[in-house]
């Protein structure tokens, strides 16, 4: 249903809606939901929700069919020892920032591992492409939260802590780098926008950007 709605939206604007493009958009948009929820709570509260699929909700925007509102429905969370709620029944306390980053990564991977096999059956996208998109979503979400808070460097540092190496099945460590024009990153996955009429690859697309 979501891809059908997206296809209608793309056809209104571009005249076409290639299957790989609709699959790529929904792939990236869906994976951004657990990634952004985790990144936001990590940055603002130093907490990590369990990120179970049944404990997250999102709504689609009116202007285009992408997630523009996310809710965490579950009450349980991981936190640091000095968290005000550390003594409560919903809290699982971890030792330090690095342990919390590891929990975020593990909970996100667990969520993606439920989505990817199911979604793969509905598309022609391979497992590597789907896990690359999962890697992009997490790295981007940590970066975006820092940028939204006015501190991209802090977001990049958070991403470097969570994605400090390649943790399989994710496909890379954080790809964020500081260039002459500011923070940027090379994507691991392709969104297939270039298949739309008169569109080309994104500047950081792995199809054209060397490692």
C-alpha atoms as a PDB file:
ATOM      1  CA  UNK A   1       0.000   0.000   0.000  1.00  0.00           C
ATOM      2  CA  UNK A   2       2.802   2.424   0.905  1.00  0.00           C
ATOM      3  CA  UNK A   3       4.691   1.769  -2.300  1.00  0.00           C
ATOM      4  CA  UNK A   4       1.489   2.141  -4.310  1.00  0.00           C
ATOM      5  CA  UNK A   5       0.850   5.521  -2.703  1.00  0.00           C
ATOM      6  CA  UNK A   6       4.440   6.545  -3.389  1.00  0.00           C
ATOM      7  CA  UNK A   7       4.144   5.382  -6.992  1.00  0.00           C
ATOM      8  CA  UNK A   8       1.106   7.609  -7.511  1.00  0.00           C
ATOM      9  CA  UNK A   9       2.976  10.548  -5.998  1.00  0.00           C
ATOM     10  CA  UNK A  10       6.005   9.982  -8.246  1.00  0.00           C
ATOM     11  CA  UNK A  11       3.883   9.616 -11.371  1.00  0.00           C
ATOM     12  CA  UNK A  12       2.169  12.925 -10.624  1.00  0.00           C
ATOM     13  CA  UNK A  13       5.552  14.665 -10.502  1.00  0.00           C
ATOM     14  CA  UNK A  14       7.747  12.730 -12.900  1.00  0.00           C
ATOM     15  CA  UNK A  15       5.373  10.785 -15.110  1.00  0.00           C
ATOM     16  CA  UNK A  16       6.972   7.474 -14.070  1.00  0.00           C
ATOM     17  CA  UNK A  17       7.448   5.394 -10.949  1.00  0.00           C
ATOM     18  CA  UNK A  18      10.086   2.681 -11.529  1.00  0.00           C
ATOM     19  CA  UNK A  19       9.769  -0.310  -9.199  1.00  0.00           C
ATOM     20  CA  UNK A  20      13.344   0.028  -7.945  1.00  0.00           C
ATOM     21  CA  UNK A  21      12.761   3.702  -7.113  1.00  0.00           C
ATOM     22  CA  UNK A  22       9.628   3.070  -5.078  1.00  0.00           C
ATOM     23  CA  UNK A  23      11.357   0.134  -3.381  1.00  0.00           C
ATOM     24  CA  UNK A  24      14.441   2.244  -2.649  1.00  0.00           C
ATOM     25  CA  UNK A  25      12.490   5.160  -1.219  1.00  0.00           C
ATOM     26  CA  UNK A  26      10.349   3.021   1.082  1.00  0.00           C
ATOM     27  CA  UNK A  27      13.410   1.012   2.130  1.00  0.00           C
ATOM     28  CA  UNK A  28      15.257   4.163   3.216  1.00  0.00           C
ATOM     29  CA  UNK A  29      12.230   5.910   4.709  1.00  0.00           C
ATOM     30  CA  UNK A  30      11.172   2.921   6.792  1.00  0.00           C
ATOM     31  CA  UNK A  31      14.646   2.296   8.188  1.00  0.00           C
ATOM     32  CA  UNK A  32      14.910   5.957   9.152  1.00  0.00           C
ATOM     33  CA  UNK A  33      12.057   5.481  11.658  1.00  0.00           C
ATOM     34  CA  UNK A  34      13.881   3.298  14.243  1.00  0.00           C
ATOM     35  CA  UNK A  35      17.154   5.063  13.448  1.00  0.00           C
ATOM     36  CA  UNK A  36      15.803   8.555  14.099  1.00  0.00           C
ATOM     37  CA  UNK A  37      13.833   7.534  17.196  1.00  0.00           C
ATOM     38  CA  UNK A  38      16.975   6.009  18.692  1.00  0.00           C
ATOM     39  CA  UNK A  39      19.222   8.906  17.672  1.00  0.00           C
ATOM     40  CA  UNK A  40      16.887  11.548  19.069  1.00  0.00           C
ATOM     41  CA  UNK A  41      16.436   9.874  22.457  1.00  0.00           C
ATOM     42  CA  UNK A  42      20.142   9.094  22.676  1.00  0.00           C
ATOM     43  CA  UNK A  43      21.076  12.704  21.986  1.00  0.00           C
ATOM     44  CA  UNK A  44      18.461  14.407  24.152  1.00  0.00           C
ATOM     45  CA  UNK A  45      17.903  11.952  27.023  1.00  0.00           C
ATOM     46  CA  UNK A  46      20.884   9.558  26.932  1.00  0.00           C
ATOM     47  CA  UNK A  47      18.330   6.774  26.655  1.00  0.00           C
ATOM     48  CA  UNK A  48      17.809   4.007  24.093  1.00  0.00           C
ATOM     49  CA  UNK A  49      14.339   2.526  23.569  1.00  0.00           C
ATOM     50  CA  UNK A  50      13.992  -1.190  22.819  1.00  0.00           C
ATOM     51  CA  UNK A  51      12.993  -0.352  19.221  1.00  0.00           C
ATOM     52  CA  UNK A  52      10.736  -3.374  18.838  1.00  0.00           C
ATOM     53  CA  UNK A  53       8.676  -2.991  15.649  1.00  0.00           C
ATOM     54  CA  UNK A  54       5.421  -3.111  17.607  1.00  0.00           C
ATOM     55  CA  UNK A  55       6.614  -0.315  19.893  1.00  0.00           C
ATOM     56  CA  UNK A  56       7.141   2.299  17.170  1.00  0.00           C
ATOM     57  CA  UNK A  57       4.542   4.196  15.180  1.00  0.00           C
ATOM     58  CA  UNK A  58       4.792   6.750  12.398  1.00  0.00           C
ATOM     59  CA  UNK A  59       2.542   8.783  10.150  1.00  0.00           C
ATOM     60  CA  UNK A  60       3.010   9.815   6.537  1.00  0.00           C
ATOM     61  CA  UNK A  61       3.127  13.445   5.491  1.00  0.00           C
ATOM     62  CA  UNK A  62       0.387  15.117   3.505  1.00  0.00           C
ATOM     63  CA  UNK A  63       2.803  16.713   1.019  1.00  0.00           C
ATOM     64  CA  UNK A  64       4.577  13.458   0.168  1.00  0.00           C
ATOM     65  CA  UNK A  65       4.263   9.910   1.515  1.00  0.00           C
ATOM     66  CA  UNK A  66       7.293   9.900   3.818  1.00  0.00           C
ATOM     67  CA  UNK A  67       7.400   9.551   7.638  1.00  0.00           C
ATOM     68  CA  UNK A  68       6.921  12.996   9.170  1.00  0.00           C
ATOM     69  CA  UNK A  69       5.958  11.978  12.698  1.00  0.00           C
ATOM     70  CA  UNK A  70       7.336   9.174  14.896  1.00  0.00           C
ATOM     71  CA  UNK A  71       6.195   7.884  18.281  1.00  0.00           C
ATOM     72  CA  UNK A  72       7.889   5.478  20.697  1.00  0.00           C
ATOM     73  CA  UNK A  73       5.116   3.411  22.274  1.00  0.00           C
ATOM     74  CA  UNK A  74       7.158   1.144  24.532  1.00  0.00           C
ATOM     75  CA  UNK A  75       8.011   2.189  28.085  1.00  0.00           C
ATOM     76  CA  UNK A  76      11.252   0.239  28.572  1.00  0.00           C
ATOM     77  CA  UNK A  77      14.628   1.819  27.915  1.00  0.00           C
ATOM     78  CA  UNK A  78      18.372   1.568  28.496  1.00  0.00           C
ATOM     79  CA  UNK A  79      20.106   4.404  30.324  1.00  0.00           C
ATOM     80  CA  UNK A  80      23.187   5.532  32.234  1.00  0.00           C
ATOM     81  CA  UNK A  81      23.598   5.184  36.020  1.00  0.00           C
ATOM     82  CA  UNK A  82      22.856   8.887  36.648  1.00  0.00           C
ATOM     83  CA  UNK A  83      19.560   8.858  34.721  1.00  0.00           C
ATOM     84  CA  UNK A  84      16.658  10.099  36.930  1.00  0.00           C
ATOM     85  CA  UNK A  85      14.690   6.984  36.009  1.00  0.00           C
ATOM     86  CA  UNK A  86      17.527   4.508  36.496  1.00  0.00           C
ATOM     87  CA  UNK A  87      15.905   2.931  39.535  1.00  0.00           C
ATOM     88  CA  UNK A  88      12.545   2.346  37.887  1.00  0.00           C
ATOM     89  CA  UNK A  89      11.193  -0.969  36.589  1.00  0.00           C
ATOM     90  CA  UNK A  90      11.307   0.188  32.948  1.00  0.00           C
ATOM     91  CA  UNK A  91      15.038   0.984  33.028  1.00  0.00           C
ATOM     92  CA  UNK A  92      18.024  -1.202  32.215  1.00  0.00           C
ATOM     93  CA  UNK A  93      21.196   0.551  33.344  1.00  0.00           C
ATOM     94  CA  UNK A  94      24.447   0.238  31.375  1.00  0.00           C
ATOM     95  CA  UNK A  95      27.898   1.261  32.498  1.00  0.00           C
ATOM     96  CA  UNK A  96      28.813   4.207  30.296  1.00  0.00           C
ATOM     97  CA  UNK A  97      28.397   6.083  27.002  1.00  0.00           C
ATOM     98  CA  UNK A  98      30.178   3.406  24.975  1.00  0.00           C
ATOM     99  CA  UNK A  99      27.943   0.697  26.384  1.00  0.00           C
ATOM    100  CA  UNK A 100      24.881   2.792  25.594  1.00  0.00           C
ATOM    101  CA  UNK A 101      26.120   3.285  22.024  1.00  0.00           C
ATOM    102  CA  UNK A 102      26.580  -0.466  21.681  1.00  0.00           C
ATOM    103  CA  UNK A 103      23.041  -1.062  22.927  1.00  0.00           C
ATOM    104  CA  UNK A 104      21.645   1.446  20.417  1.00  0.00           C
ATOM    105  CA  UNK A 105      23.483  -0.300  17.602  1.00  0.00           C
ATOM    106  CA  UNK A 106      22.316  -3.745  18.723  1.00  0.00           C
ATOM    107  CA  UNK A 107      18.680  -2.720  19.166  1.00  0.00           C
ATOM    108  CA  UNK A 108      18.654  -1.033  15.769  1.00  0.00           C
ATOM    109  CA  UNK A 109      20.219  -4.066  14.074  1.00  0.00           C
ATOM    110  CA  UNK A 110      17.625  -6.298  15.734  1.00  0.00           C
ATOM    111  CA  UNK A 111      14.828  -4.135  14.329  1.00  0.00           C
ATOM    112  CA  UNK A 112      16.355  -4.042  10.839  1.00  0.00           C
ATOM    113  CA  UNK A 113      16.885  -7.806  10.934  1.00  0.00           C
ATOM    114  CA  UNK A 114      13.122  -8.270  11.253  1.00  0.00           C
ATOM    115  CA  UNK A 115      12.315  -5.837   8.436  1.00  0.00           C
ATOM    116  CA  UNK A 116      14.902  -6.772   5.820  1.00  0.00           C
ATOM    117  CA  UNK A 117      14.029 -10.457   5.167  1.00  0.00           C
ATOM    118  CA  UNK A 118      10.339  -9.613   4.864  1.00  0.00           C
ATOM    119  CA  UNK A 119      10.866  -6.588   2.640  1.00  0.00           C
ATOM    120  CA  UNK A 120      13.397  -8.413   0.447  1.00  0.00           C
ATOM    121  CA  UNK A 121      10.670 -10.838  -0.628  1.00  0.00           C
ATOM    122  CA  UNK A 122       8.642  -7.946  -2.099  1.00  0.00           C
ATOM    123  CA  UNK A 123      11.464  -6.317  -4.095  1.00  0.00           C
ATOM    124  CA  UNK A 124      14.375  -7.093  -6.395  1.00  0.00           C
ATOM    125  CA  UNK A 125      16.763  -5.440  -3.951  1.00  0.00           C
ATOM    126  CA  UNK A 126      19.510  -7.674  -2.607  1.00  0.00           C
ATOM    127  CA  UNK A 127      20.444  -8.286   1.010  1.00  0.00           C
ATOM    128  CA  UNK A 128      23.605  -6.184   0.721  1.00  0.00           C
ATOM    129  CA  UNK A 129      21.629  -3.223  -0.642  1.00  0.00           C
ATOM    130  CA  UNK A 130      19.120  -3.460   2.185  1.00  0.00           C
ATOM    131  CA  UNK A 131      21.773  -3.617   4.904  1.00  0.00           C
ATOM    132  CA  UNK A 132      23.630  -0.758   3.223  1.00  0.00           C
ATOM    133  CA  UNK A 133      20.423   1.279   3.474  1.00  0.00           C
ATOM    134  CA  UNK A 134      20.151   0.332   7.144  1.00  0.00           C
ATOM    135  CA  UNK A 135      23.708   1.583   7.673  1.00  0.00           C
ATOM    136  CA  UNK A 136      22.924   4.853   5.891  1.00  0.00           C
ATOM    137  CA  UNK A 137      19.770   5.390   7.929  1.00  0.00           C
ATOM    138  CA  UNK A 138      21.562   5.031  11.261  1.00  0.00           C
ATOM    139  CA  UNK A 139      24.617   7.099  10.336  1.00  0.00           C
ATOM    140  CA  UNK A 140      22.409   9.823   8.844  1.00  0.00           C
ATOM    141  CA  UNK A 141      20.002   9.905  11.783  1.00  0.00           C
ATOM    142  CA  UNK A 142      22.766  10.483  14.329  1.00  0.00           C
ATOM    143  CA  UNK A 143      24.203  13.226  12.121  1.00  0.00           C
ATOM    144  CA  UNK A 144      20.803  14.862  11.459  1.00  0.00           C
ATOM    145  CA  UNK A 145      19.966  15.092  15.145  1.00  0.00           C
ATOM    146  CA  UNK A 146      23.223  16.932  15.787  1.00  0.00           C
ATOM    147  CA  UNK A 147      22.537  19.244  12.861  1.00  0.00           C
ATOM    148  CA  UNK A 148      18.997  19.943  14.065  1.00  0.00           C
ATOM    149  CA  UNK A 149      20.393  20.811  17.475  1.00  0.00           C
ATOM    150  CA  UNK A 150      22.887  23.213  15.888  1.00  0.00           C
ATOM    151  CA  UNK A 151      25.959  21.036  16.469  1.00  0.00           C
ATOM    152  CA  UNK A 152      26.866  18.832  13.502  1.00  0.00           C
ATOM    153  CA  UNK A 153      30.188  17.940  15.079  1.00  0.00           C
ATOM    154  CA  UNK A 154      28.369  16.456  18.066  1.00  0.00           C
ATOM    155  CA  UNK A 155      26.183  14.422  15.738  1.00  0.00           C
ATOM    156  CA  UNK A 156      29.231  13.189  13.862  1.00  0.00           C
ATOM    157  CA  UNK A 157      30.898  12.257  17.156  1.00  0.00           C
ATOM    158  CA  UNK A 158      27.793  10.313  18.209  1.00  0.00           C
ATOM    159  CA  UNK A 159      27.799   8.496  14.875  1.00  0.00           C
ATOM    160  CA  UNK A 160      31.486   7.662  15.279  1.00  0.00           C
ATOM    161  CA  UNK A 161      30.762   6.202  18.719  1.00  0.00           C
ATOM    162  CA  UNK A 162      27.807   4.089  17.580  1.00  0.00           C
ATOM    163  CA  UNK A 163      29.404   3.068  14.265  1.00  0.00           C
ATOM    164  CA  UNK A 164      32.993   2.900  15.450  1.00  0.00           C
ATOM    165  CA  UNK A 165      33.730   0.015  13.090  1.00  0.00           C
ATOM    166  CA  UNK A 166      31.907  -2.156  10.631  1.00  0.00           C
ATOM    167  CA  UNK A 167      29.509  -4.199  12.737  1.00  0.00           C
ATOM    168  CA  UNK A 168      28.046  -6.870  10.457  1.00  0.00           C
ATOM    169  CA  UNK A 169      25.473  -7.109   9.018  1.00  0.00           C
ATOM    170  CA  UNK A 170      25.818  -3.311   8.752  1.00  0.00           C
ATOM    171  CA  UNK A 171      28.103  -2.539   5.841  1.00  0.00           C
ATOM    172  CA  UNK A 172      30.490   0.113   7.174  1.00  0.00           C
ATOM    173  CA  UNK A 173      31.615   2.239  10.051  1.00  0.00           C
ATOM    174  CA  UNK A 174      30.370   5.825  10.108  1.00  0.00           C
ATOM    175  CA  UNK A 175      31.138   7.427   6.754  1.00  0.00           C
ATOM    176  CA  UNK A 176      30.867  11.015   7.998  1.00  0.00           C
ATOM    177  CA  UNK A 177      33.800  13.259   7.168  1.00  0.00           C
ATOM    178  CA  UNK A 178      34.577  16.951   7.411  1.00  0.00           C
ATOM    179  CA  UNK A 179      35.264  18.498   4.000  1.00  0.00           C
ATOM    180  CA  UNK A 180      36.020  22.047   2.902  1.00  0.00           C
ATOM    181  CA  UNK A 181      32.266  22.551   2.506  1.00  0.00           C
ATOM    182  CA  UNK A 182      31.319  21.089   5.881  1.00  0.00           C
ATOM    183  CA  UNK A 183      30.222  17.665   7.064  1.00  0.00           C
ATOM    184  CA  UNK A 184      29.305  15.133   4.411  1.00  0.00           C
ATOM    185  CA  UNK A 185      29.202  11.363   3.914  1.00  0.00           C
ATOM    186  CA  UNK A 186      29.357   8.865   1.108  1.00  0.00           C
ATOM    187  CA  UNK A 187      26.204   6.780   0.948  1.00  0.00           C
ATOM    188  CA  UNK A 188      26.437   3.019   1.179  1.00  0.00           C
ATOM    189  CA  UNK A 189      23.150   2.481  -0.708  1.00  0.00           C
ATOM    190  CA  UNK A 190      21.424   3.907  -3.772  1.00  0.00           C
ATOM    191  CA  UNK A 191      17.922   5.403  -3.578  1.00  0.00           C
ATOM    192  CA  UNK A 192      17.425   4.874  -7.352  1.00  0.00           C
ATOM    193  CA  UNK A 193      16.267   8.445  -7.923  1.00  0.00           C
ATOM    194  CA  UNK A 194      18.419   8.448 -11.066  1.00  0.00           C
ATOM    195  CA  UNK A 195      15.843   6.155 -12.717  1.00  0.00           C
ATOM    196  CA  UNK A 196      13.303   8.990 -12.720  1.00  0.00           C
ATOM    197  CA  UNK A 197      13.053  11.141 -15.874  1.00  0.00           C
ATOM    198  CA  UNK A 198      15.701  13.879 -16.053  1.00  0.00           C
ATOM    199  CA  UNK A 199      17.184  12.892 -12.685  1.00  0.00           C
ATOM    200  CA  UNK A 200      20.783  11.883 -12.018  1.00  0.00           C
ATOM    201  CA  UNK A 201      22.677  10.202  -9.201  1.00  0.00           C
ATOM    202  CA  UNK A 202      23.027  12.057  -5.900  1.00  0.00           C
ATOM    203  CA  UNK A 203      26.433  13.650  -5.271  1.00  0.00           C
ATOM    204  CA  UNK A 204      27.370  11.017  -2.659  1.00  0.00           C
ATOM    205  CA  UNK A 205      25.795   8.055  -4.457  1.00  0.00           C
ATOM    206  CA  UNK A 206      27.974   4.912  -4.290  1.00  0.00           C
ATOM    207  CA  UNK A 207      27.397   4.420  -8.032  1.00  0.00           C
ATOM    208  CA  UNK A 208      29.583   7.443  -8.824  1.00  0.00           C
ATOM    209  CA  UNK A 209      31.469   8.301  -5.621  1.00  0.00           C
ATOM    210  CA  UNK A 210      34.594   6.187  -5.064  1.00  0.00           C
ATOM    211  CA  UNK A 211      35.435   4.853  -1.637  1.00  0.00           C
END
